[in-house]
Amino acid sequence: MTKKHRHRPSGLIEPLRRVELPADTIELARYLVGKTLVHDLSTSRLSGRIVEVEAYPPGDAAGHAFRGKTPSNQTLFLGRGYCYVYFTYGSSFMVNVTSEPPGIGAGVLLRALEPLDGIETMQRDRKTAQMRDIARGPGRLAKAMQIDKRFDGTDLCAAEPLWLGTPARPTGAVGSSTRIGLTREIHAKLRFFERGSPHLSGPKSLSI
């Protein structure tokens, strides 16, 4: 990505520093719940509270890094705090935060956001007026935040248009469950979410 001047963070949201990110995939996943994902456009801002994530730690057979580094997954090995974007199901981009030291492939999938800034733009792009549906699910999240493969490798802790920020408000209780839609490592409770959020994806039975 080409660097440009970052808008001054609105409200109390400040950029996260890499030293603040836990150097462990599962710890980082829990940590990211309640934090803010921000995309500064040329004339406006899109942002949302992260309310649901899934961890894919080193050695996880369900993770993209399981078979080692390839041209398509090399971003996962950059170190923690980078954006890893991939295309799936023939229609959707998925947004991940890399999570381990350089050379170790692992990441945290962002599954759902509670929209904050740029809601009208998100509604237009997502073709929905329903707040709870704007970014409920990883594909919808990427669409709402205007994130595609161009953002793969973006440093989320640097002066880039796409970045991670501090919480917009206190985070509620964090729950955990098995991950969604997997055929490997299906029993691992590595999905973390803010209890009670109406923006969560997946069956309600997993979000109690």
Protein backbone atom coordinates (compact mmCIF):
# COMPACT_ATOMS: atom_id res chain seq x y z
CA MET A 1 0.00 0.00 0.00
CA THR A 2 1.10 3.55 -0.68
CA LYS A 3 1.49 5.48 2.54
CA LYS A 4 -0.38 8.72 3.01
CA HIS A 5 -1.20 11.11 5.81
CA ARG A 6 -3.55 9.53 8.33
CA HIS A 7 -6.61 11.42 9.51
CA ARG A 8 -6.46 12.40 13.16
CA PRO A 9 -8.26 9.62 15.10
CA SER A 10 -11.77 10.68 16.05
CA GLY A 11 -12.96 10.69 19.64
CA LEU A 12 -10.83 8.67 22.01
CA ILE A 13 -9.66 6.17 19.39
CA GLU A 14 -5.87 6.08 19.07
CA PRO A 15 -3.70 3.81 16.91
CA LEU A 16 -2.49 0.59 18.54
CA ARG A 17 1.26 0.15 18.78
CA ARG A 18 2.83 -3.18 17.90
CA VAL A 19 4.33 -3.48 21.37
CA GLU A 20 0.79 -3.48 22.75
CA LEU A 21 -0.22 -6.55 20.74
CA PRO A 22 0.17 -9.86 22.60
CA ALA A 23 2.82 -12.05 20.96
CA ASP A 24 0.59 -15.11 20.98
CA THR A 25 -2.24 -15.89 18.57
CA ILE A 26 -4.88 -16.90 21.12
CA GLU A 27 -4.05 -14.02 23.45
CA LEU A 28 -4.15 -11.59 20.52
CA ALA A 29 -7.54 -12.91 19.43
CA ARG A 30 -9.02 -12.21 22.87
CA TYR A 31 -7.27 -8.83 22.95
CA LEU A 32 -8.74 -7.71 19.62
CA VAL A 33 -12.34 -8.10 20.79
CA GLY A 34 -13.57 -4.57 21.46
CA LYS A 35 -10.76 -2.88 19.55
CA THR A 36 -11.45 -0.72 16.49
CA LEU A 37 -10.73 -1.37 12.81
CA VAL A 38 -10.38 1.89 10.85
CA HIS A 39 -10.18 2.56 7.12
CA ASP A 40 -9.43 6.18 6.25
CA LEU A 41 -10.74 6.97 2.78
CA SER A 42 -9.71 10.07 0.86
CA THR A 43 -12.58 12.17 2.21
CA SER A 44 -14.19 10.11 4.97
CA ARG A 45 -13.68 7.28 7.44
CA LEU A 46 -15.06 3.79 7.88
CA SER A 47 -14.67 2.16 11.29
CA GLY A 48 -16.15 -0.51 13.49
CA ARG A 49 -15.74 -2.24 16.83
CA ILE A 50 -14.36 -5.78 16.49
CA VAL A 51 -16.94 -8.02 18.20
CA GLU A 52 -16.00 -11.48 16.88
CA VAL A 53 -12.76 -13.18 15.87
CA GLU A 54 -11.27 -16.63 15.32
CA ALA A 55 -7.71 -17.64 16.20
CA TYR A 56 -5.59 -19.83 13.89
CA PRO A 57 -2.41 -20.51 15.92
CA PRO A 58 0.82 -22.16 14.73
CA GLY A 59 0.36 -25.83 13.90
CA ASP A 60 -3.41 -25.49 13.43
CA ALA A 61 -4.47 -27.82 10.61
CA ALA A 62 -7.30 -25.41 9.76
CA GLY A 63 -4.92 -22.46 9.31
CA HIS A 64 -3.54 -21.21 6.00
CA ALA A 65 0.03 -21.46 7.30
CA PHE A 66 -0.19 -25.14 8.26
CA ARG A 67 1.73 -26.42 5.23
CA GLY A 68 4.34 -23.68 5.34
CA LYS A 69 5.02 -20.46 3.49
CA THR A 70 3.75 -20.05 -0.06
CA PRO A 71 3.43 -17.05 -2.42
CA SER A 72 -0.22 -16.69 -1.42
CA ASN A 73 0.17 -16.88 2.37
CA GLN A 74 3.58 -15.26 2.94
CA THR A 75 1.99 -12.26 4.68
CA LEU A 76 1.12 -14.56 7.60
CA PHE A 77 4.86 -14.88 8.33
CA LEU A 78 5.67 -11.14 8.54
CA GLY A 79 5.20 -10.85 12.30
CA ARG A 80 2.23 -9.68 14.35
CA GLY A 81 0.08 -6.72 13.38
CA TYR A 82 -0.11 -7.01 9.60
CA CYS A 83 -3.20 -7.47 7.45
CA TYR A 84 -3.55 -10.80 5.66
CA VAL A 85 -6.34 -10.79 3.06
CA TYR A 86 -7.46 -13.77 1.01
CA PHE A 87 -10.32 -14.48 -1.40
CA THR A 88 -12.66 -17.39 -0.81
CA TYR A 89 -15.96 -18.94 -1.88
CA GLY A 90 -15.48 -17.24 -5.24
CA SER A 91 -17.02 -14.04 -3.93
CA SER A 92 -15.63 -12.83 -0.59
CA PHE A 93 -12.47 -11.39 0.88
CA MET A 94 -11.45 -12.32 4.42
CA VAL A 95 -9.52 -9.98 6.72
CA ASN A 96 -6.98 -11.33 9.21
CA VAL A 97 -4.44 -9.89 11.64
CA THR A 98 -1.09 -11.70 11.70
CA SER A 99 -0.24 -12.85 15.18
CA GLU A 100 3.19 -14.37 15.81
CA PRO A 101 6.88 -13.30 15.61
CA PRO A 102 8.45 -12.98 12.13
CA GLY A 103 8.88 -16.32 10.42
CA ILE A 104 6.00 -18.05 12.25
CA GLY A 105 2.77 -18.22 10.27
CA ALA A 106 -0.48 -17.62 12.17
CA GLY A 107 -3.37 -15.18 12.26
CA VAL A 108 -6.66 -14.00 13.69
CA LEU A 109 -9.68 -13.85 11.38
CA LEU A 110 -11.95 -10.84 11.93
CA ARG A 111 -15.49 -12.22 11.77
CA ALA A 112 -17.77 -9.33 12.72
CA LEU A 113 -17.84 -5.60 13.43
CA GLU A 114 -20.25 -3.20 15.06
CA PRO A 115 -20.25 -0.23 12.62
CA LEU A 116 -19.17 3.15 14.01
CA ASP A 117 -18.11 5.65 11.32
CA GLY A 118 -19.30 5.74 7.71
CA ILE A 119 -22.47 3.75 8.34
CA GLU A 120 -24.34 5.23 5.35
CA THR A 121 -21.45 4.32 3.06
CA MET A 122 -21.36 0.79 4.48
CA GLN A 123 -25.12 0.41 4.00
CA ARG A 124 -24.82 1.50 0.39
CA ASP A 125 -21.93 -0.85 -0.35
CA ARG A 126 -23.59 -3.75 1.42
CA LYS A 127 -27.02 -2.94 -0.02
CA THR A 128 -28.72 -3.23 3.35
CA ALA A 129 -30.35 -0.86 5.83
CA GLN A 130 -30.14 -3.38 8.66
CA MET A 131 -27.44 -2.30 11.11
CA ARG A 132 -26.87 -5.78 12.49
CA ASP A 133 -26.26 -7.21 9.01
CA ILE A 134 -23.73 -4.64 7.74
CA ALA A 135 -20.59 -6.44 8.95
CA ARG A 136 -21.94 -9.66 10.52
CA GLY A 137 -19.66 -12.31 9.03
CA PRO A 138 -16.14 -12.05 7.57
CA GLY A 139 -17.15 -11.53 3.95
CA ARG A 140 -19.65 -8.82 4.85
CA LEU A 141 -17.03 -7.19 7.08
CA ALA A 142 -14.53 -6.89 4.24
CA LYS A 143 -17.19 -5.51 1.88
CA ALA A 144 -18.43 -2.95 4.41
CA MET A 145 -14.89 -1.77 5.18
CA GLN A 146 -13.88 -1.67 1.48
CA ILE A 147 -11.02 -4.12 2.05
CA ASP A 148 -9.75 -6.32 -0.76
CA LYS A 149 -6.51 -8.02 -1.81
CA ARG A 150 -4.80 -4.63 -2.28
CA PHE A 151 -4.55 -4.40 1.51
CA ASP A 152 -2.73 -7.71 1.94
CA GLY A 153 0.51 -6.94 3.78
CA THR A 154 -0.62 -3.57 5.16
CA ASP A 155 1.02 -2.73 8.49
CA LEU A 156 -1.97 -2.19 10.79
CA CYS A 157 0.25 -0.45 13.35
CA ALA A 158 1.72 2.13 10.94
CA ALA A 159 0.56 5.31 9.23
CA GLU A 160 -1.50 3.47 6.62
CA PRO A 161 -5.11 4.08 5.55
CA LEU A 162 -6.12 0.79 7.22
CA TRP A 163 -5.23 0.49 10.91
CA LEU A 164 -6.14 -0.91 14.31
CA GLY A 165 -7.27 1.40 17.09
CA THR A 166 -8.08 1.43 20.77
CA PRO A 167 -11.64 0.70 21.98
CA ALA A 168 -14.34 3.28 21.31
CA ARG A 169 -15.93 2.27 24.62
CA PRO A 170 -15.40 -0.38 27.33
CA THR A 171 -15.54 -3.95 26.07
CA GLY A 172 -18.20 -6.29 27.42
CA ALA A 173 -17.66 -9.83 28.66
CA VAL A 174 -15.79 -12.01 26.16
CA GLY A 175 -17.07 -15.49 25.42
CA SER A 176 -15.55 -18.38 23.46
CA SER A 177 -16.79 -21.23 21.31
CA THR A 178 -15.75 -23.58 18.54
CA ARG A 179 -15.00 -21.95 15.20
CA ILE A 180 -17.52 -21.78 12.36
CA GLY A 181 -17.62 -23.71 9.08
CA LEU A 182 -14.48 -25.81 9.51
CA THR A 183 -13.75 -29.44 8.66
CA ARG A 184 -10.44 -29.60 10.58
CA GLU A 185 -9.72 -28.89 14.25
CA ILE A 186 -13.46 -28.53 14.68
CA HIS A 187 -13.47 -28.93 18.48
CA ALA A 188 -10.97 -26.18 19.29
CA LYS A 189 -12.66 -23.32 21.15
CA LEU A 190 -10.82 -20.55 19.35
CA ARG A 191 -13.69 -18.24 18.42
CA PHE A 192 -13.95 -15.22 20.74
CA PHE A 193 -16.79 -12.71 20.84
CA GLU A 194 -18.35 -9.92 22.86
CA ARG A 195 -21.30 -11.46 24.68
CA GLY A 196 -24.65 -9.86 23.92
CA SER A 197 -23.57 -8.11 20.72
CA PRO A 198 -26.33 -8.16 18.07
CA HIS A 199 -23.68 -8.08 15.33
CA LEU A 200 -22.30 -11.59 15.85
CA SER A 201 -22.29 -14.15 13.04
CA GLY A 202 -23.13 -17.83 13.14
CA PRO A 203 -25.79 -19.69 15.12
CA LYS A 204 -27.00 -18.08 18.33
CA SER A 205 -26.22 -21.32 20.19
CA LEU A 206 -22.49 -20.55 19.79
CA SER A 207 -22.77 -17.04 21.22
CA ILE A 208 -24.30 -17.64 24.62
